[in-house]
Amino acid sequence: MKKTELKVSIPCQKSRTQVLKAVAKLAGVDQMSVDGQKGTLTVVGEVDPILVAKAVRKTGSVAEIISVGPPKPPEKKPEPEKPLLLLLPPPPPPPYLAEVPVQHYGGPYCSIL
């Protein structure tokens, strides 16, 4: 896999489209991009840089090879931190029910003191 950068004269959108179509027809092209402001064409793939330059020149644009080398590895995004798992104590046992004897006082009236 190679990354080839060419300096290309691209005066208008029509010539940009022609350049991209010509390069896309080449076997081994995985990725390509054009930067109109800088005037560069970047091609990534197993393709001969000379063939890329010839294809660009056939469209009528001037092409000059700037660099050929390995592509930059994709930037690794930091993995999001996993939330901490808190170990909580087990829940308390259910309440214990007990029978409580009730004493009735011998009167018909209730008094609260």
PDB file of N, CA and C in Angstrom:
ATOM      1  N   MET A   1       0.859  -1.169   0.000  1.00  0.00           N
ATOM      2  CA  MET A   1       0.000   0.000   0.000  1.00  0.00           C
ATOM      3  C   MET A   1       0.908   1.236   0.000  1.00  0.00           C
ATOM      4  N   LYS A   2       0.667   2.136  -0.950  1.00  0.00           N
ATOM      5  CA  LYS A   2       1.476   3.352  -1.077  1.00  0.00           C
ATOM      6  C   LYS A   2       0.571   4.569  -1.079  1.00  0.00           C
ATOM      7  N   LYS A   3       1.134   5.657  -0.606  1.00  0.00           N
ATOM      8  CA  LYS A   3       0.451   6.950  -0.679  1.00  0.00           C
ATOM      9  C   LYS A   3       1.267   7.818  -1.629  1.00  0.00           C
ATOM     10  N   THR A   4       0.622   8.248  -2.706  1.00  0.00           N
ATOM     11  CA  THR A   4       1.287   9.058  -3.715  1.00  0.00           C
ATOM     12  C   THR A   4       0.661  10.448  -3.718  1.00  0.00           C
ATOM     13  N   GLU A   5       1.494  11.475  -3.624  1.00  0.00           N
ATOM     14  CA  GLU A   5       1.009  12.859  -3.687  1.00  0.00           C
ATOM     15  C   GLU A   5       1.568  13.508  -4.937  1.00  0.00           C
ATOM     16  N   LEU A   6       0.666  14.156  -5.675  1.00  0.00           N
ATOM     17  CA  LEU A   6       1.064  14.851  -6.904  1.00  0.00           C
ATOM     18  C   LEU A   6       0.615  16.302  -6.824  1.00  0.00           C
ATOM     19  N   LYS A   7       1.442  17.180  -7.386  1.00  0.00           N
ATOM     20  CA  LYS A   7       1.044  18.580  -7.528  1.00  0.00           C
ATOM     21  C   LYS A   7       0.351  18.687  -8.875  1.00  0.00           C
ATOM     22  N   VAL A   8      -0.909  19.127  -8.857  1.00  0.00           N
ATOM     23  CA  VAL A   8      -1.743  19.130 -10.054  1.00  0.00           C
ATOM     24  C   VAL A   8      -2.346  20.514 -10.234  1.00  0.00           C
ATOM     25  N   SER A   9      -2.408  20.964 -11.484  1.00  0.00           N
ATOM     26  CA  SER A   9      -3.078  22.235 -11.749  1.00  0.00           C
ATOM     27  C   SER A   9      -4.548  21.936 -12.050  1.00  0.00           C
ATOM     28  N   ILE A  10      -5.420  22.416 -11.173  1.00  0.00           N
ATOM     29  CA  ILE A  10      -6.855  22.182 -11.316  1.00  0.00           C
ATOM     30  C   ILE A  10      -7.546  23.538 -11.252  1.00  0.00           C
ATOM     31  N   PRO A  11      -7.758  24.174 -12.402  1.00  0.00           N
ATOM     32  CA  PRO A  11      -8.334  25.517 -12.393  1.00  0.00           C
ATOM     33  C   PRO A  11      -9.843  25.545 -12.138  1.00  0.00           C
ATOM     34  N   CYS A  12     -10.557  24.440 -12.442  1.00  0.00           N
ATOM     35  CA  CYS A  12     -12.018  24.492 -12.297  1.00  0.00           C
ATOM     36  C   CYS A  12     -12.557  23.132 -11.858  1.00  0.00           C
ATOM     37  N   GLN A  13     -13.860  23.115 -11.562  1.00  0.00           N
ATOM     38  CA  GLN A  13     -14.517  21.899 -11.105  1.00  0.00           C
ATOM     39  C   GLN A  13     -14.528  20.826 -12.195  1.00  0.00           C
ATOM     40  N   LYS A  14     -14.652  21.242 -13.458  1.00  0.00           N
ATOM     41  CA  LYS A  14     -14.700  20.293 -14.561  1.00  0.00           C
ATOM     42  C   LYS A  14     -13.385  19.521 -14.671  1.00  0.00           C
ATOM     43  N   SER A  15     -12.264  20.228 -14.556  1.00  0.00           N
ATOM     44  CA  SER A  15     -10.970  19.551 -14.652  1.00  0.00           C
ATOM     45  C   SER A  15     -10.737  18.650 -13.435  1.00  0.00           C
ATOM     46  N   ARG A  16     -11.254  19.059 -12.299  1.00  0.00           N
ATOM     47  CA  ARG A  16     -11.141  18.220 -11.092  1.00  0.00           C
ATOM     48  C   ARG A  16     -11.878  16.900 -11.310  1.00  0.00           C
ATOM     49  N   THR A  17     -13.083  16.972 -11.876  1.00  0.00           N
ATOM     50  CA  THR A  17     -13.863  15.777 -12.143  1.00  0.00           C
ATOM     51  C   THR A  17     -13.152  14.885 -13.152  1.00  0.00           C
ATOM     52  N   GLN A  18     -12.575  15.484 -14.181  1.00  0.00           N
ATOM     53  CA  GLN A  18     -11.859  14.708 -15.192  1.00  0.00           C
ATOM     54  C   GLN A  18     -10.657  13.985 -14.585  1.00  0.00           C
ATOM     55  N   VAL A  19      -9.920  14.669 -13.716  1.00  0.00           N
ATOM     56  CA  VAL A  19      -8.749  14.069 -13.074  1.00  0.00           C
ATOM     57  C   VAL A  19      -9.178  12.895 -12.196  1.00  0.00           C
ATOM     58  N   LEU A  20     -10.226  13.088 -11.397  1.00  0.00           N
ATOM     59  CA  LEU A  20     -10.683  12.018 -10.512  1.00  0.00           C
ATOM     60  C   LEU A  20     -11.178  10.808 -11.302  1.00  0.00           C
ATOM     61  N   LYS A  21     -11.890  11.040 -12.397  1.00  0.00           N
ATOM     62  CA  LYS A  21     -12.366   9.928 -13.216  1.00  0.00           C
ATOM     63  C   LYS A  21     -11.197   9.166 -13.846  1.00  0.00           C
ATOM     64  N   ALA A  22     -10.197   9.897 -14.328  1.00  0.00           N
ATOM     65  CA  ALA A  22      -9.049   9.256 -14.972  1.00  0.00           C
ATOM     66  C   ALA A  22      -8.266   8.398 -13.979  1.00  0.00           C
ATOM     67  N   VAL A  23      -8.090   8.906 -12.763  1.00  0.00           N
ATOM     68  CA  VAL A  23      -7.331   8.161 -11.749  1.00  0.00           C
ATOM     69  C   VAL A  23      -8.152   6.983 -11.227  1.00  0.00           C
ATOM     70  N   ALA A  24      -9.464   7.145 -11.130  1.00  0.00           N
ATOM     71  CA  ALA A  24     -10.323   6.071 -10.619  1.00  0.00           C
ATOM     72  C   ALA A  24     -10.315   4.856 -11.546  1.00  0.00           C
ATOM     73  N   LYS A  25     -10.041   5.046 -12.828  1.00  0.00           N
ATOM     74  CA  LYS A  25     -10.015   3.941 -13.789  1.00  0.00           C
ATOM     75  C   LYS A  25      -8.790   3.043 -13.604  1.00  0.00           C
ATOM     76  N   LEU A  26      -7.753   3.548 -12.935  1.00  0.00           N
ATOM     77  CA  LEU A  26      -6.527   2.771 -12.758  1.00  0.00           C
ATOM     78  C   LEU A  26      -6.759   1.633 -11.766  1.00  0.00           C
ATOM     79  N   ALA A  27      -6.154   0.486 -12.066  1.00  0.00           N
ATOM     80  CA  ALA A  27      -6.283  -0.667 -11.173  1.00  0.00           C
ATOM     81  C   ALA A  27      -5.411  -0.470  -9.937  1.00  0.00           C
ATOM     82  N   GLY A  28      -5.936  -0.803  -8.784  1.00  0.00           N
ATOM     83  CA  GLY A  28      -5.168  -0.725  -7.544  1.00  0.00           C
ATOM     84  C   GLY A  28      -5.396   0.531  -6.733  1.00  0.00           C
ATOM     85  N   VAL A  29      -6.262   1.425  -7.186  1.00  0.00           N
ATOM     86  CA  VAL A  29      -6.538   2.655  -6.437  1.00  0.00           C
ATOM     87  C   VAL A  29      -7.577   2.344  -5.367  1.00  0.00           C
ATOM     88  N   ASP A  30      -7.207   2.577  -4.109  1.00  0.00           N
ATOM     89  CA  ASP A  30      -8.132   2.348  -2.997  1.00  0.00           C
ATOM     90  C   ASP A  30      -8.830   3.637  -2.579  1.00  0.00           C
ATOM     91  N   GLN A  31      -8.085   4.734  -2.594  1.00  0.00           N
ATOM     92  CA  GLN A  31      -8.616   6.002  -2.086  1.00  0.00           C
ATOM     93  C   GLN A  31      -7.933   7.141  -2.831  1.00  0.00           C
ATOM     94  N   MET A  32      -8.689   8.211  -3.082  1.00  0.00           N
ATOM     95  CA  MET A  32      -8.086   9.377  -3.726  1.00  0.00           C
ATOM     96  C   MET A  32      -8.805  10.626  -3.260  1.00  0.00           C
ATOM     97  N   SER A  33      -8.071  11.716  -3.234  1.00  0.00           N
ATOM     98  CA  SER A  33      -8.657  12.998  -2.837  1.00  0.00           C
ATOM     99  C   SER A  33      -7.902  14.125  -3.518  1.00  0.00           C
ATOM    100  N   VAL A  34      -8.630  15.209  -3.748  1.00  0.00           N
ATOM    101  CA  VAL A  34      -8.054  16.386  -4.403  1.00  0.00           C
ATOM    102  C   VAL A  34      -8.241  17.574  -3.472  1.00  0.00           C
ATOM    103  N   ASP A  35      -7.177  18.307  -3.257  1.00  0.00           N
ATOM    104  CA  ASP A  35      -7.250  19.546  -2.492  1.00  0.00           C
ATOM    105  C   ASP A  35      -7.043  20.680  -3.500  1.00  0.00           C
ATOM    106  N   GLY A  36      -8.130  21.365  -3.847  1.00  0.00           N
ATOM    107  CA  GLY A  36      -8.078  22.414  -4.856  1.00  0.00           C
ATOM    108  C   GLY A  36      -7.280  23.629  -4.423  1.00  0.00           C
ATOM    109  N   GLN A  37      -7.314  23.954  -3.125  1.00  0.00           N
ATOM    110  CA  GLN A  37      -6.590  25.126  -2.636  1.00  0.00           C
ATOM    111  C   GLN A  37      -5.081  24.909  -2.688  1.00  0.00           C
ATOM    112  N   LYS A  38      -4.637  23.727  -2.284  1.00  0.00           N
ATOM    113  CA  LYS A  38      -3.204  23.434  -2.310  1.00  0.00           C
ATOM    114  C   LYS A  38      -2.754  22.942  -3.681  1.00  0.00           C
ATOM    115  N   GLY A  39      -3.715  22.454  -4.474  1.00  0.00           N
ATOM    116  CA  GLY A  39      -3.377  21.927  -5.792  1.00  0.00           C
ATOM    117  C   GLY A  39      -2.706  20.575  -5.716  1.00  0.00           C
ATOM    118  N   THR A  40      -3.167  19.714  -4.793  1.00  0.00           N
ATOM    119  CA  THR A  40      -2.563  18.394  -4.649  1.00  0.00           C
ATOM    120  C   THR A  40      -3.591  17.301  -4.878  1.00  0.00           C
ATOM    121  N   LEU A  41      -3.108  16.193  -5.410  1.00  0.00           N
ATOM    122  CA  LEU A  41      -3.894  14.980  -5.603  1.00  0.00           C
ATOM    123  C   LEU A  41      -3.223  13.900  -4.775  1.00  0.00           C
ATOM    124  N   THR A  42      -3.987  13.244  -3.902  1.00  0.00           N
ATOM    125  CA  THR A  42      -3.456  12.181  -3.067  1.00  0.00           C
ATOM    126  C   THR A  42      -4.127  10.879  -3.467  1.00  0.00           C
ATOM    127  N   VAL A  43      -3.313   9.870  -3.775  1.00  0.00           N
ATOM    128  CA  VAL A  43      -3.818   8.559  -4.177  1.00  0.00           C
ATOM    129  C   VAL A  43      -3.218   7.514  -3.251  1.00  0.00           C
ATOM    130  N   VAL A  44      -4.083   6.655  -2.687  1.00  0.00           N
ATOM    131  CA  VAL A  44      -3.632   5.583  -1.806  1.00  0.00           C
ATOM    132  C   VAL A  44      -4.015   4.262  -2.454  1.00  0.00           C
ATOM    133  N   GLY A  45      -3.050   3.331  -2.521  1.00  0.00           N
ATOM    134  CA  GLY A  45      -3.319   2.013  -3.078  1.00  0.00           C
ATOM    135  C   GLY A  45      -2.082   1.420  -3.720  1.00  0.00           C
ATOM    136  N   GLU A  46      -2.255   0.236  -4.284  1.00  0.00           N
ATOM    137  CA  GLU A  46      -1.160  -0.449  -4.971  1.00  0.00           C
ATOM    138  C   GLU A  46      -1.175  -0.049  -6.446  1.00  0.00           C
ATOM    139  N   VAL A  47      -0.798   1.174  -6.718  1.00  0.00           N
ATOM    140  CA  VAL A  47      -0.790   1.690  -8.083  1.00  0.00           C
ATOM    141  C   VAL A  47       0.547   2.387  -8.323  1.00  0.00           C
ATOM    142  N   ASP A  48       1.042   2.285  -9.548  1.00  0.00           N
ATOM    143  CA  ASP A  48       2.319   2.888  -9.906  1.00  0.00           C
ATOM    144  C   ASP A  48       2.162   4.411 -10.001  1.00  0.00           C
ATOM    145  N   PRO A  49       2.995   5.187  -9.302  1.00  0.00           N
ATOM    146  CA  PRO A  49       2.895   6.649  -9.340  1.00  0.00           C
ATOM    147  C   PRO A  49       3.071   7.223 -10.751  1.00  0.00           C
ATOM    148  N   ILE A  50       3.881   6.570 -11.570  1.00  0.00           N
ATOM    149  CA  ILE A  50       4.088   7.046 -12.946  1.00  0.00           C
ATOM    150  C   ILE A  50       2.790   6.935 -13.741  1.00  0.00           C
ATOM    151  N   LEU A  51       2.057   5.831 -13.540  1.00  0.00           N
ATOM    152  CA  LEU A  51       0.788   5.662 -14.234  1.00  0.00           C
ATOM    153  C   LEU A  51      -0.236   6.709 -13.793  1.00  0.00           C
ATOM    154  N   VAL A  52      -0.196   7.063 -12.514  1.00  0.00           N
ATOM    155  CA  VAL A  52      -1.107   8.096 -12.013  1.00  0.00           C
ATOM    156  C   VAL A  52      -0.780   9.427 -12.683  1.00  0.00           C
ATOM    157  N   ALA A  53       0.494   9.772 -12.747  1.00  0.00           N
ATOM    158  CA  ALA A  53       0.900  11.036 -13.371  1.00  0.00           C
ATOM    159  C   ALA A  53       0.528  11.054 -14.855  1.00  0.00           C
ATOM    160  N   LYS A  54       0.712   9.923 -15.557  1.00  0.00           N
ATOM    161  CA  LYS A  54       0.347   9.859 -16.975  1.00  0.00           C
ATOM    162  C   LYS A  54      -1.155  10.043 -17.164  1.00  0.00           C
ATOM    163  N   ALA A  55      -1.955   9.408 -16.285  1.00  0.00           N
ATOM    164  CA  ALA A  55      -3.411   9.531 -16.395  1.00  0.00           C
ATOM    165  C   ALA A  55      -3.854  10.972 -16.183  1.00  0.00           C
ATOM    166  N   VAL A  56      -3.211  11.670 -15.250  1.00  0.00           N
ATOM    167  CA  VAL A  56      -3.559  13.074 -14.989  1.00  0.00           C
ATOM    168  C   VAL A  56      -3.151  13.937 -16.181  1.00  0.00           C
ATOM    169  N   ARG A  57      -1.995  13.676 -16.736  1.00  0.00           N
ATOM    170  CA  ARG A  57      -1.520  14.478 -17.882  1.00  0.00           C
ATOM    171  C   ARG A  57      -2.393  14.272 -19.121  1.00  0.00           C
ATOM    172  N   LYS A  58      -2.981  13.074 -19.267  1.00  0.00           N
ATOM    173  CA  LYS A  58      -3.864  12.821 -20.411  1.00  0.00           C
ATOM    174  C   LYS A  58      -5.133  13.666 -20.348  1.00  0.00           C
ATOM    175  N   THR A  59      -5.509  14.136 -19.157  1.00  0.00           N
ATOM    176  CA  THR A  59      -6.692  14.998 -19.038  1.00  0.00           C
ATOM    177  C   THR A  59      -6.372  16.435 -19.405  1.00  0.00           C
ATOM    178  N   GLY A  60      -5.099  16.758 -19.587  1.00  0.00           N
ATOM    179  CA  GLY A  60      -4.712  18.117 -19.949  1.00  0.00           C
ATOM    180  C   GLY A  60      -4.181  18.914 -18.779  1.00  0.00           C
ATOM    181  N   SER A  61      -4.095  18.308 -17.616  1.00  0.00           N
ATOM    182  CA  SER A  61      -3.557  18.996 -16.435  1.00  0.00           C
ATOM    183  C   SER A  61      -2.068  18.702 -16.300  1.00  0.00           C
ATOM    184  N   VAL A  62      -1.369  19.600 -15.662  1.00  0.00           N
ATOM    185  CA  VAL A  62       0.047  19.409 -15.388  1.00  0.00           C
ATOM    186  C   VAL A  62       0.156  18.655 -14.070  1.00  0.00           C
ATOM    187  N   ALA A  63       0.980  17.587 -14.047  1.00  0.00           N
ATOM    188  CA  ALA A  63       1.138  16.770 -12.840  1.00  0.00           C
ATOM    189  C   ALA A  63       2.614  16.590 -12.523  1.00  0.00           C
ATOM    190  N   GLU A  64       2.950  16.750 -11.256  1.00  0.00           N
ATOM    191  CA  GLU A  64       4.323  16.581 -10.791  1.00  0.00           C
ATOM    192  C   GLU A  64       4.276  15.768  -9.505  1.00  0.00           C
ATOM    193  N   ILE A  65       5.037  14.682  -9.433  1.00  0.00           N
ATOM    194  CA  ILE A  65       5.033  13.820  -8.252  1.00  0.00           C
ATOM    195  C   ILE A  65       5.778  14.524  -7.123  1.00  0.00           C
ATOM    196  N   ILE A  66       5.093  14.665  -5.995  1.00  0.00           N
ATOM    197  CA  ILE A  66       5.697  15.313  -4.820  1.00  0.00           C
ATOM    198  C   ILE A  66       6.337  14.266  -3.928  1.00  0.00           C
ATOM    199  N   SER A  67       5.563  13.221  -3.563  1.00  0.00           N
ATOM    200  CA  SER A  67       6.100  12.208  -2.661  1.00  0.00           C
ATOM    201  C   SER A  67       5.394  10.878  -2.881  1.00  0.00           C
ATOM    202  N   VAL A  68       6.143   9.806  -2.573  1.00  0.00           N
ATOM    203  CA  VAL A  68       5.617   8.449  -2.603  1.00  0.00           C
ATOM    204  C   VAL A  68       6.096   7.769  -1.332  1.00  0.00           C
ATOM    205  N   GLY A  69       5.167   7.176  -0.589  1.00  0.00           N
ATOM    206  CA  GLY A  69       5.554   6.517   0.650  1.00  0.00           C
ATOM    207  C   GLY A  69       4.379   5.776   1.251  1.00  0.00           C
ATOM    208  N   PRO A  70       4.597   5.200   2.422  1.00  0.00           N
ATOM    209  CA  PRO A  70       3.506   4.470   3.071  1.00  0.00           C
ATOM    210  C   PRO A  70       2.458   5.447   3.598  1.00  0.00           C
ATOM    211  N   PRO A  71       1.190   5.040   3.583  1.00  0.00           N
ATOM    212  CA  PRO A  71       0.156   5.929   4.115  1.00  0.00           C
ATOM    213  C   PRO A  71       0.260   6.016   5.631  1.00  0.00           C
ATOM    214  N   LYS A  72      -0.251   7.088   6.180  1.00  0.00           N
ATOM    215  CA  LYS A  72      -0.253   7.246   7.627  1.00  0.00           C
ATOM    216  C   LYS A  72      -1.229   6.244   8.233  1.00  0.00           C
ATOM    217  N   PRO A  73      -0.834   5.629   9.337  1.00  0.00           N
ATOM    218  CA  PRO A  73      -1.783   4.708   9.979  1.00  0.00           C
ATOM    219  C   PRO A  73      -2.941   5.508  10.562  1.00  0.00           C
ATOM    220  N   PRO A  74      -4.126   4.925  10.582  1.00  0.00           N
ATOM    221  CA  PRO A  74      -5.262   5.661  11.142  1.00  0.00           C
ATOM    222  C   PRO A  74      -5.035   5.958  12.620  1.00  0.00           C
ATOM    223  N   GLU A  75      -5.465   7.128  13.021  1.00  0.00           N
ATOM    224  CA  GLU A  75      -5.282   7.526  14.414  1.00  0.00           C
ATOM    225  C   GLU A  75      -6.168   6.672  15.303  1.00  0.00           C
ATOM    226  N   LYS A  76      -5.568   6.192  16.368  1.00  0.00           N
ATOM    227  CA  LYS A  76      -6.332   5.380  17.310  1.00  0.00           C
ATOM    228  C   LYS A  76      -7.062   6.299  18.269  1.00  0.00           C
ATOM    229  N   LYS A  77      -8.342   6.080  18.346  1.00  0.00           N
ATOM    230  CA  LYS A  77      -9.141   6.874  19.274  1.00  0.00           C
ATOM    231  C   LYS A  77      -9.040   6.224  20.650  1.00  0.00           C
ATOM    232  N   PRO A  78      -8.885   7.040  21.668  1.00  0.00           N
ATOM    233  CA  PRO A  78      -8.818   6.445  23.000  1.00  0.00           C
ATOM    234  C   PRO A  78     -10.157   5.800  23.347  1.00  0.00           C
ATOM    235  N   GLU A  79     -10.053   4.621  23.917  1.00  0.00           N
ATOM    236  CA  GLU A  79     -11.276   3.914  24.287  1.00  0.00           C
ATOM    237  C   GLU A  79     -11.928   4.625  25.468  1.00  0.00           C
ATOM    238  N   PRO A  80     -13.239   4.734  25.437  1.00  0.00           N
ATOM    239  CA  PRO A  80     -13.906   5.378  26.568  1.00  0.00           C
ATOM    240  C   PRO A  80     -13.718   4.528  27.820  1.00  0.00           C
ATOM    241  N   GLU A  81     -13.565   5.214  28.926  1.00  0.00           N
ATOM    242  CA  GLU A  81     -13.346   4.504  30.179  1.00  0.00           C
ATOM    243  C   GLU A  81     -14.605   3.745  30.567  1.00  0.00           C
ATOM    244  N   LYS A  82     -14.382   2.544  31.026  1.00  0.00           N
ATOM    245  CA  LYS A  82     -15.511   1.736  31.456  1.00  0.00           C
ATOM    246  C   LYS A  82     -15.953   2.231  32.834  1.00  0.00           C
ATOM    247  N   PRO A  83     -17.263   2.279  33.070  1.00  0.00           N
ATOM    248  CA  PRO A  83     -17.719   2.735  34.380  1.00  0.00           C
ATOM    249  C   PRO A  83     -17.308   1.739  35.473  1.00  0.00           C
ATOM    250  N   LEU A  84     -17.002   2.269  36.627  1.00  0.00           N
ATOM    251  CA  LEU A  84     -16.604   1.427  37.744  1.00  0.00           C
ATOM    252  C   LEU A  84     -17.816   0.682  38.274  1.00  0.00           C
ATOM    253  N   LEU A  85     -17.614  -0.574  38.563  1.00  0.00           N
ATOM    254  CA  LEU A  85     -18.674  -1.369  39.154  1.00  0.00           C
ATOM    255  C   LEU A  85     -18.462  -1.380  40.658  1.00  0.00           C
ATOM    256  N   LEU A  86     -19.440  -0.904  41.368  1.00  0.00           N
ATOM    257  CA  LEU A  86     -19.351  -0.878  42.818  1.00  0.00           C
ATOM    258  C   LEU A  86     -19.982  -2.142  43.375  1.00  0.00           C
ATOM    259  N   LEU A  87     -19.245  -2.826  44.219  1.00  0.00           N
ATOM    260  CA  LEU A  87     -19.785  -4.016  44.852  1.00  0.00           C
ATOM    261  C   LEU A  87     -20.475  -3.581  46.141  1.00  0.00           C
ATOM    262  N   LEU A  88     -21.755  -3.765  46.171  1.00  0.00           N
ATOM    263  CA  LEU A  88     -22.554  -3.376  47.326  1.00  0.00           C
ATOM    264  C   LEU A  88     -22.768  -4.586  48.223  1.00  0.00           C
ATOM    265  N   PRO A  89     -22.940  -4.355  49.522  1.00  0.00           N
ATOM    266  CA  PRO A  89     -23.215  -5.490  50.414  1.00  0.00           C
ATOM    267  C   PRO A  89     -24.587  -6.079  50.074  1.00  0.00           C
ATOM    268  N   PRO A  90     -24.806  -7.335  50.435  1.00  0.00           N
ATOM    269  CA  PRO A  90     -26.100  -7.942  50.127  1.00  0.00           C
ATOM    270  C   PRO A  90     -27.216  -7.243  50.901  1.00  0.00           C
ATOM    271  N   PRO A  91     -28.422  -7.278  50.379  1.00  0.00           N
ATOM    272  CA  PRO A  91     -29.525  -6.616  51.081  1.00  0.00           C
ATOM    273  C   PRO A  91     -29.828  -7.320  52.398  1.00  0.00           C
ATOM    274  N   PRO A  92     -30.397  -6.590  53.352  1.00  0.00           N
ATOM    275  CA  PRO A  92     -30.711  -7.213  54.648  1.00  0.00           C
ATOM    276  C   PRO A  92     -31.818  -8.259  54.455  1.00  0.00           C
ATOM    277  N   PRO A  93     -31.885  -9.204  55.385  1.00  0.00           N
ATOM    278  CA  PRO A  93     -32.931 -10.219  55.268  1.00  0.00           C
ATOM    279  C   PRO A  93     -34.310  -9.588  55.474  1.00  0.00           C
ATOM    280  N   PRO A  94     -35.359 -10.247  55.011  1.00  0.00           N
ATOM    281  CA  PRO A  94     -36.693  -9.678  55.197  1.00  0.00           C
ATOM    282  C   PRO A  94     -37.032  -9.599  56.689  1.00  0.00           C
ATOM    283  N   PRO A  95     -37.937  -8.694  57.060  1.00  0.00           N
ATOM    284  CA  PRO A  95     -38.270  -8.551  58.484  1.00  0.00           C
ATOM    285  C   PRO A  95     -38.888  -9.846  59.042  1.00  0.00           C
ATOM    286  N   TYR A  96     -38.577 -10.082  60.292  1.00  0.00           N
ATOM    287  CA  TYR A  96     -39.071 -11.274  60.975  1.00  0.00           C
ATOM    288  C   TYR A  96     -40.414 -10.935  61.622  1.00  0.00           C
ATOM    289  N   LEU A  97     -41.400 -11.738  61.352  1.00  0.00           N
ATOM    290  CA  LEU A  97     -42.721 -11.509  61.923  1.00  0.00           C
ATOM    291  C   LEU A  97     -42.888 -12.422  63.134  1.00  0.00           C
ATOM    292  N   ALA A  98     -43.308 -11.813  64.225  1.00  0.00           N
ATOM    293  CA  ALA A  98     -43.511 -12.588  65.458  1.00  0.00           C
ATOM    294  C   ALA A  98     -44.900 -12.298  66.008  1.00  0.00           C
ATOM    295  N   GLU A  99     -45.448 -13.270  66.683  1.00  0.00           N
ATOM    296  CA  GLU A  99     -46.768 -13.105  67.296  1.00  0.00           C
ATOM    297  C   GLU A  99     -46.578 -12.538  68.687  1.00  0.00           C
ATOM    298  N   VAL A 100     -47.270 -11.447  68.947  1.00  0.00           N
ATOM    299  CA  VAL A 100     -47.167 -10.781  70.248  1.00  0.00           C
ATOM    300  C   VAL A 100     -48.509 -10.954  70.969  1.00  0.00           C
ATOM    301  N   PRO A 101     -48.462 -11.501  72.155  1.00  0.00           N
ATOM    302  CA  PRO A 101     -49.737 -11.650  72.877  1.00  0.00           C
ATOM    303  C   PRO A 101     -50.270 -10.292  73.334  1.00  0.00           C
ATOM    304  N   VAL A 102     -51.555 -10.143  73.256  1.00  0.00           N
ATOM    305  CA  VAL A 102     -52.201  -8.896  73.643  1.00  0.00           C
ATOM    306  C   VAL A 102     -53.064  -9.164  74.873  1.00  0.00           C
ATOM    307  N   GLN A 103     -52.896  -8.308  75.866  1.00  0.00           N
ATOM    308  CA  GLN A 103     -53.710  -8.444  77.078  1.00  0.00           C
ATOM    309  C   GLN A 103     -54.814  -7.405  77.033  1.00  0.00           C
ATOM    310  N   HIS A 104     -56.011  -7.853  77.268  1.00  0.00           N
ATOM    311  CA  HIS A 104     -57.126  -6.927  77.331  1.00  0.00           C
ATOM    312  C   HIS A 104     -57.379  -6.560  78.788  1.00  0.00           C
ATOM    313  N   TYR A 105     -57.542  -5.299  79.013  1.00  0.00           N
ATOM    314  CA  TYR A 105     -57.836  -4.839  80.353  1.00  0.00           C
ATOM    315  C   TYR A 105     -59.326  -4.939  80.557  1.00  0.00           C
ATOM    316  N   GLY A 106     -59.680  -5.191  81.712  1.00  0.00           N
ATOM    317  CA  GLY A 106     -61.063  -5.472  81.981  1.00  0.00           C
ATOM    318  C   GLY A 106     -61.984  -4.275  82.035  1.00  0.00           C
ATOM    319  N   GLY A 107     -62.029  -3.440  81.176  1.00  0.00           N
ATOM    320  CA  GLY A 107     -62.976  -2.351  81.203  1.00  0.00           C
ATOM    321  C   GLY A 107     -63.467  -2.029  79.802  1.00  0.00           C
ATOM    322  N   PRO A 108     -64.643  -1.450  79.709  1.00  0.00           N
ATOM    323  CA  PRO A 108     -65.174  -1.135  78.402  1.00  0.00           C
ATOM    324  C   PRO A 108     -64.558   0.151  77.833  1.00  0.00           C
ATOM    325  N   TYR A 109     -63.869   0.895  78.682  1.00  0.00           N
ATOM    326  CA  TYR A 109     -63.334   2.177  78.219  1.00  0.00           C
ATOM    327  C   TYR A 109     -61.832   2.089  77.960  1.00  0.00           C
ATOM    328  N   CYS A 110     -61.423   2.876  77.098  1.00  0.00           N
ATOM    329  CA  CYS A 110     -60.000   2.943  76.756  1.00  0.00           C
ATOM    330  C   CYS A 110     -59.452   4.222  77.349  1.00  0.00           C
ATOM    331  N   SER A 111     -58.367   4.130  78.026  1.00  0.00           N
ATOM    332  CA  SER A 111     -57.772   5.348  78.565  1.00  0.00           C
ATOM    333  C   SER A 111     -56.292   5.381  78.200  1.00  0.00           C
ATOM    334  N   ILE A 112     -55.885   6.527  77.806  1.00  0.00           N
ATOM    335  CA  ILE A 112     -54.483   6.706  77.458  1.00  0.00           C
ATOM    336  C   ILE A 112     -53.890   7.649  78.459  1.00  0.00           C
ATOM    337  N   LEU A 113     -52.868   7.222  79.124  1.00  0.00           N
ATOM    338  CA  LEU A 113     -52.250   8.052  80.140  1.00  0.00           C
ATOM    339  C   LEU A 113     -51.035   8.717  79.634  1.00  0.00           C
TER     340      LEU A 113
END
